[in-house]
Amino acid sequence: MRADQILHPTPAGLYCPPGDFHIDPIRPVSRALITHGHGDHARSGHGAVMATRQTLDIMAIRYGEDFAGKTQAADGPVRIGDTTVSFHPAGHILGSAQIAVQPDAGPKIVVSGDYCRHPNPVSAPYEPVPCDIFVTEATFGLPVFKHPDPAQEMARLLASMAEFPERPHLIGAYALGKAQRLIMLARAAGLDGPIAIHGALQRLCDYHVAQGIDLGPLVPATADKVDAQLVIAPPSAFASAWVQRFRDPVIGFASGWMAVRARARQRGVELPLVISDHVDWPQVTQTITELAPQEVWITHGAEDGLLRWCEIQGIPARPLRLVGYEDEPE
């Protein structure tokens, strides 16, 4: 069986004919396998969804308990049609997974979803999965993207807080994954006091705590008086009147895109923090080198740069040109 008979792009997303399922479909389908809970990969309305237990829980928090007709938690290798599928940690956010698809006859394909190789205190670490075809993102798939150590970026934040103790520091961070990682990085750097969180983060932070991730003391950022210098909110909150309750705030944003100065200026960001939950250029090329697949497929991102690198390395590669997978939408 040829690789494109096992998995190929469709308008709904990647489709596996021998298993009759889609992976991270962008529109409702009868059977979906979901890599993680971000809204550009995990959508509601499918007939059936298989994902890690944590991803299913997160989807229920975000979309309601009836987000799919039925659900199944991934637990070890599972037969679906004429394939065997298995889920492996991706290191991206809580519950994130790569999905390995092994047909009865043909190459083994691993769809990595979004993945990260920096240690992440809110996610199980990335697990290399040997395969014949590796399907990778290329969000930061250009040599210019070399993300710094997240601990160094957190040290910059704490230094700013020490230099301007009278100014609240409002940091934009995506509600799922980035916000909780930022809190854990602050705790590891020695910030033991209360951290204020926007109400949009509360249920997801509560779920992380229930999963054994100690976020420390958190207080609401929507109270009349916010008793914390560090305030974390989703990016959408910065366009609302909510920001006006803070006097002379330092506005920051935590994202791999903060390495692009023009993006920071466009957002009016005074303190850009380059903290990413995706692989950067050294990590994506390292991953492909380590796995040594027979072929690389690129789902989305800076495809041309990674295609050229694969060509130089003598690795067959192709772009899937999937649309609909961007930053986590707010």
Foldseek 3Di string as FASTA:
>chain_A
DEPVQQWAQDQQAIAGVQQGEHEQGQDEEAEYEFQAQFPLRDAFDHQEYEFAPVRLVSCCVVPNNPRYNYYDHFDAWDDGRQWIKHWFWFQQAARGTWIWIGGPDDWIEIENDFHDQQHFLGTDHGDQDATQEYEAACAQAAPLQDFDRLLVLLVVVVVVCVVCVVAAAEEAAALGGGVQRSLVSNVVNPPQDEEEEEPSNVVNVVVSVVVVRDSHHYDHLQDLDDPDRHYYYHLVCVVDCSVVSGDRHQYEYEELCVSPVVVCVVSVHPRYGNDYSGYHNVRVVVSCVVNVHQEYEYEDHPVVSVCVVCVVVVRHYDYSPHPSDDPRDD
